[in-house]
Amino acid sequence: MNRQGIKRTIKITTLAIIIIIVLGYGIFATHDFVSGPEIIILKPENGITVNIPEIEISGIAKRIKEITLNDRPITIDEEGNWNETSLLAIGYNVFSIKAYDRFNRKKEYRLELIYKVD
């Protein structure tokens, strides 16, 4: 291979590497926009039976603009942590946690608990 062929190969390889880096960064940077909102429930576990009338529900919300528990707004800290206390009715209880991102996409989580009096 002559000198011109080597220079051309180096230019094409360098350009390909730059394009791969730019595309990789673009995919990484848009991941949060594509993923939408996320709700992680830390406690309590879904479907458990409890014997106390008051329950603490806590979790983490990522990439959200607004979050509600049974259509009531929840406050979150800067890291997305939230914590709410709620009273249970005797028997089967359902909590609906909804999160909306800035594009108004919705993620919903259903928490089902059973309150059984001893």
C-alpha atoms as a PDB file:
ATOM      1  CA  MET A   1       0.000   0.000   0.000  1.00  0.00           C
ATOM      2  CA  ASN A   2       1.348   3.406  -0.893  1.00  0.00           C
ATOM      3  CA  ARG A   3       1.450   6.552   1.199  1.00  0.00           C
ATOM      4  CA  GLN A   4      -1.827   7.935  -0.235  1.00  0.00           C
ATOM      5  CA  GLY A   5      -3.670   4.689   0.559  1.00  0.00           C
ATOM      6  CA  ILE A   6      -2.454   4.730   4.179  1.00  0.00           C
ATOM      7  CA  LYS A   7      -3.532   8.383   4.632  1.00  0.00           C
ATOM      8  CA  ARG A   8      -6.965   7.599   3.179  1.00  0.00           C
ATOM      9  CA  THR A   9      -7.381   4.562   5.476  1.00  0.00           C
ATOM     10  CA  ILE A  10      -6.424   6.630   8.534  1.00  0.00           C
ATOM     11  CA  LYS A  11      -8.904   9.387   7.570  1.00  0.00           C
ATOM     12  CA  ILE A  12     -11.753   6.910   7.048  1.00  0.00           C
ATOM     13  CA  THR A  13     -10.987   5.084  10.325  1.00  0.00           C
ATOM     14  CA  THR A  14     -10.808   8.356  12.273  1.00  0.00           C
ATOM     15  CA  LEU A  15     -14.092   9.550  10.767  1.00  0.00           C
ATOM     16  CA  ALA A  16     -15.784   6.212  11.580  1.00  0.00           C
ATOM     17  CA  ILE A  17     -14.592   6.384  15.202  1.00  0.00           C
ATOM     18  CA  ILE A  18     -15.882   9.963  15.569  1.00  0.00           C
ATOM     19  CA  ILE A  19     -19.267   8.991  14.114  1.00  0.00           C
ATOM     20  CA  ILE A  20     -19.540   5.989  16.474  1.00  0.00           C
ATOM     21  CA  ILE A  21     -18.688   8.186  19.481  1.00  0.00           C
ATOM     22  CA  VAL A  22     -21.243  10.851  18.499  1.00  0.00           C
ATOM     23  CA  LEU A  23     -23.984   8.266  17.903  1.00  0.00           C
ATOM     24  CA  GLY A  24     -23.170   6.475  21.164  1.00  0.00           C
ATOM     25  CA  TYR A  25     -23.370   9.707  23.118  1.00  0.00           C
ATOM     26  CA  GLY A  26     -26.647  10.613  21.404  1.00  0.00           C
ATOM     27  CA  ILE A  27     -28.189   7.290  22.421  1.00  0.00           C
ATOM     28  CA  PHE A  28     -26.888   7.691  25.993  1.00  0.00           C
ATOM     29  CA  ALA A  29     -28.171  11.285  26.283  1.00  0.00           C
ATOM     30  CA  THR A  30     -31.664  10.498  24.984  1.00  0.00           C
ATOM     31  CA  HIS A  31     -32.182   7.358  27.092  1.00  0.00           C
ATOM     32  CA  ASP A  32     -34.058   9.277  29.812  1.00  0.00           C
ATOM     33  CA  PHE A  33     -36.359  10.926  27.278  1.00  0.00           C
ATOM     34  CA  VAL A  34     -37.177   7.631  25.602  1.00  0.00           C
ATOM     35  CA  SER A  35     -37.609   5.647  28.829  1.00  0.00           C
ATOM     36  CA  GLY A  36     -40.372   7.763  30.352  1.00  0.00           C
ATOM     37  CA  PRO A  37     -41.240   7.951  34.064  1.00  0.00           C
ATOM     38  CA  GLU A  38     -40.290   5.182  36.495  1.00  0.00           C
ATOM     39  CA  ILE A  39     -41.808   4.249  39.870  1.00  0.00           C
ATOM     40  CA  ILE A  40     -39.988   2.033  42.367  1.00  0.00           C
ATOM     41  CA  ILE A  41     -41.897   1.021  45.514  1.00  0.00           C
ATOM     42  CA  LEU A  42     -39.529   0.418  48.428  1.00  0.00           C
ATOM     43  CA  LYS A  43     -42.146  -0.472  51.012  1.00  0.00           C
ATOM     44  CA  PRO A  44     -44.527  -2.113  51.651  1.00  0.00           C
ATOM     45  CA  GLU A  45     -44.418  -5.213  49.500  1.00  0.00           C
ATOM     46  CA  ASN A  46     -47.340  -5.622  47.130  1.00  0.00           C
ATOM     47  CA  GLY A  47     -50.000  -8.090  48.331  1.00  0.00           C
ATOM     48  CA  ILE A  48     -48.970  -8.325  51.988  1.00  0.00           C
ATOM     49  CA  THR A  49     -51.362  -8.670  54.912  1.00  0.00           C
ATOM     50  CA  VAL A  50     -50.880  -6.208  57.774  1.00  0.00           C
ATOM     51  CA  ASN A  51     -52.469  -5.981  61.218  1.00  0.00           C
ATOM     52  CA  ILE A  52     -52.053  -2.244  61.852  1.00  0.00           C
ATOM     53  CA  PRO A  53     -54.404   0.381  60.399  1.00  0.00           C
ATOM     54  CA  GLU A  54     -51.686   2.829  59.319  1.00  0.00           C
ATOM     55  CA  ILE A  55     -49.174   2.045  56.594  1.00  0.00           C
ATOM     56  CA  GLU A  56     -46.141   3.918  55.331  1.00  0.00           C
ATOM     57  CA  ILE A  57     -45.730   3.819  51.559  1.00  0.00           C
ATOM     58  CA  SER A  58     -42.380   4.938  50.201  1.00  0.00           C
ATOM     59  CA  GLY A  59     -40.450   4.744  46.992  1.00  0.00           C
ATOM     60  CA  ILE A  60     -38.381   6.434  44.342  1.00  0.00           C
ATOM     61  CA  ALA A  61     -39.649   8.212  41.234  1.00  0.00           C
ATOM     62  CA  LYS A  62     -37.345   8.893  38.306  1.00  0.00           C
ATOM     63  CA  ARG A  63     -37.769  11.214  35.337  1.00  0.00           C
ATOM     64  CA  ILE A  64     -41.073  12.673  36.550  1.00  0.00           C
ATOM     65  CA  LYS A  65     -42.836  15.990  36.572  1.00  0.00           C
ATOM     66  CA  GLU A  66     -45.720  14.977  38.843  1.00  0.00           C
ATOM     67  CA  ILE A  67     -46.620  11.983  41.030  1.00  0.00           C
ATOM     68  CA  THR A  68     -49.888  11.132  42.796  1.00  0.00           C
ATOM     69  CA  LEU A  69     -51.152   8.585  45.309  1.00  0.00           C
ATOM     70  CA  ASN A  70     -54.852   7.900  44.718  1.00  0.00           C
ATOM     71  CA  ASP A  71     -54.975  11.128  42.660  1.00  0.00           C
ATOM     72  CA  ARG A  72     -53.522  13.179  45.539  1.00  0.00           C
ATOM     73  CA  PRO A  73     -50.181  14.927  44.798  1.00  0.00           C
ATOM     74  CA  ILE A  74     -47.082  13.579  46.537  1.00  0.00           C
ATOM     75  CA  THR A  75     -44.035  15.682  47.351  1.00  0.00           C
ATOM     76  CA  ILE A  76     -40.637  14.306  46.413  1.00  0.00           C
ATOM     77  CA  ASP A  77     -37.100  15.352  47.285  1.00  0.00           C
ATOM     78  CA  GLU A  78     -34.349  16.211  44.787  1.00  0.00           C
ATOM     79  CA  GLU A  79     -33.320  12.553  44.396  1.00  0.00           C
ATOM     80  CA  GLY A  80     -36.898  11.441  43.685  1.00  0.00           C
ATOM     81  CA  ASN A  81     -37.563   9.854  47.098  1.00  0.00           C
ATOM     82  CA  TRP A  82     -41.087  10.061  48.448  1.00  0.00           C
ATOM     83  CA  ASN A  83     -42.879   8.887  51.572  1.00  0.00           C
ATOM     84  CA  GLU A  84     -46.599   8.896  52.414  1.00  0.00           C
ATOM     85  CA  THR A  85     -48.604   7.527  55.338  1.00  0.00           C
ATOM     86  CA  SER A  86     -52.122   6.263  54.758  1.00  0.00           C
ATOM     87  CA  LEU A  87     -54.928   4.680  56.760  1.00  0.00           C
ATOM     88  CA  LEU A  88     -56.198   1.275  55.718  1.00  0.00           C
ATOM     89  CA  ALA A  89     -59.781   0.080  55.671  1.00  0.00           C
ATOM     90  CA  ILE A  90     -60.485  -3.378  57.041  1.00  0.00           C
ATOM     91  CA  GLY A  91     -60.023  -5.905  54.266  1.00  0.00           C
ATOM     92  CA  TYR A  92     -58.715  -5.300  50.767  1.00  0.00           C
ATOM     93  CA  ASN A  93     -57.063  -1.924  49.984  1.00  0.00           C
ATOM     94  CA  VAL A  94     -55.826  -0.675  46.609  1.00  0.00           C
ATOM     95  CA  PHE A  95     -53.507   2.280  46.121  1.00  0.00           C
ATOM     96  CA  SER A  96     -52.875   3.798  42.707  1.00  0.00           C
ATOM     97  CA  ILE A  97     -49.539   5.555  42.239  1.00  0.00           C
ATOM     98  CA  LYS A  98     -49.282   7.523  38.986  1.00  0.00           C
ATOM     99  CA  ALA A  99     -46.277   9.394  37.649  1.00  0.00           C
ATOM    100  CA  TYR A 100     -46.168  11.771  34.676  1.00  0.00           C
ATOM    101  CA  ASP A 101     -43.072  13.019  32.897  1.00  0.00           C
ATOM    102  CA  ARG A 102     -42.641  16.361  31.137  1.00  0.00           C
ATOM    103  CA  PHE A 103     -44.007  14.858  27.904  1.00  0.00           C
ATOM    104  CA  ASN A 104     -47.172  13.835  29.807  1.00  0.00           C
ATOM    105  CA  ARG A 105     -46.392  10.127  29.517  1.00  0.00           C
ATOM    106  CA  LYS A 106     -47.900   8.165  32.387  1.00  0.00           C
ATOM    107  CA  LYS A 107     -46.635   5.228  34.438  1.00  0.00           C
ATOM    108  CA  GLU A 108     -49.042   3.639  36.914  1.00  0.00           C
ATOM    109  CA  TYR A 109     -48.364   1.229  39.762  1.00  0.00           C
ATOM    110  CA  ARG A 110     -51.085  -0.598  41.691  1.00  0.00           C
ATOM    111  CA  LEU A 111     -50.307  -1.431  45.309  1.00  0.00           C
ATOM    112  CA  GLU A 112     -52.675  -3.967  46.886  1.00  0.00           C
ATOM    113  CA  LEU A 113     -52.698  -4.557  50.661  1.00  0.00           C
ATOM    114  CA  ILE A 114     -54.894  -6.474  53.065  1.00  0.00           C
ATOM    115  CA  TYR A 115     -55.652  -5.121  56.531  1.00  0.00           C
ATOM    116  CA  LYS A 116     -56.672  -7.897  58.865  1.00  0.00           C
ATOM    117  CA  VAL A 117     -57.679  -7.136  62.465  1.00  0.00           C
ATOM    118  CA  ASP A 118     -56.399  -9.709  64.960  1.00  0.00           C
END
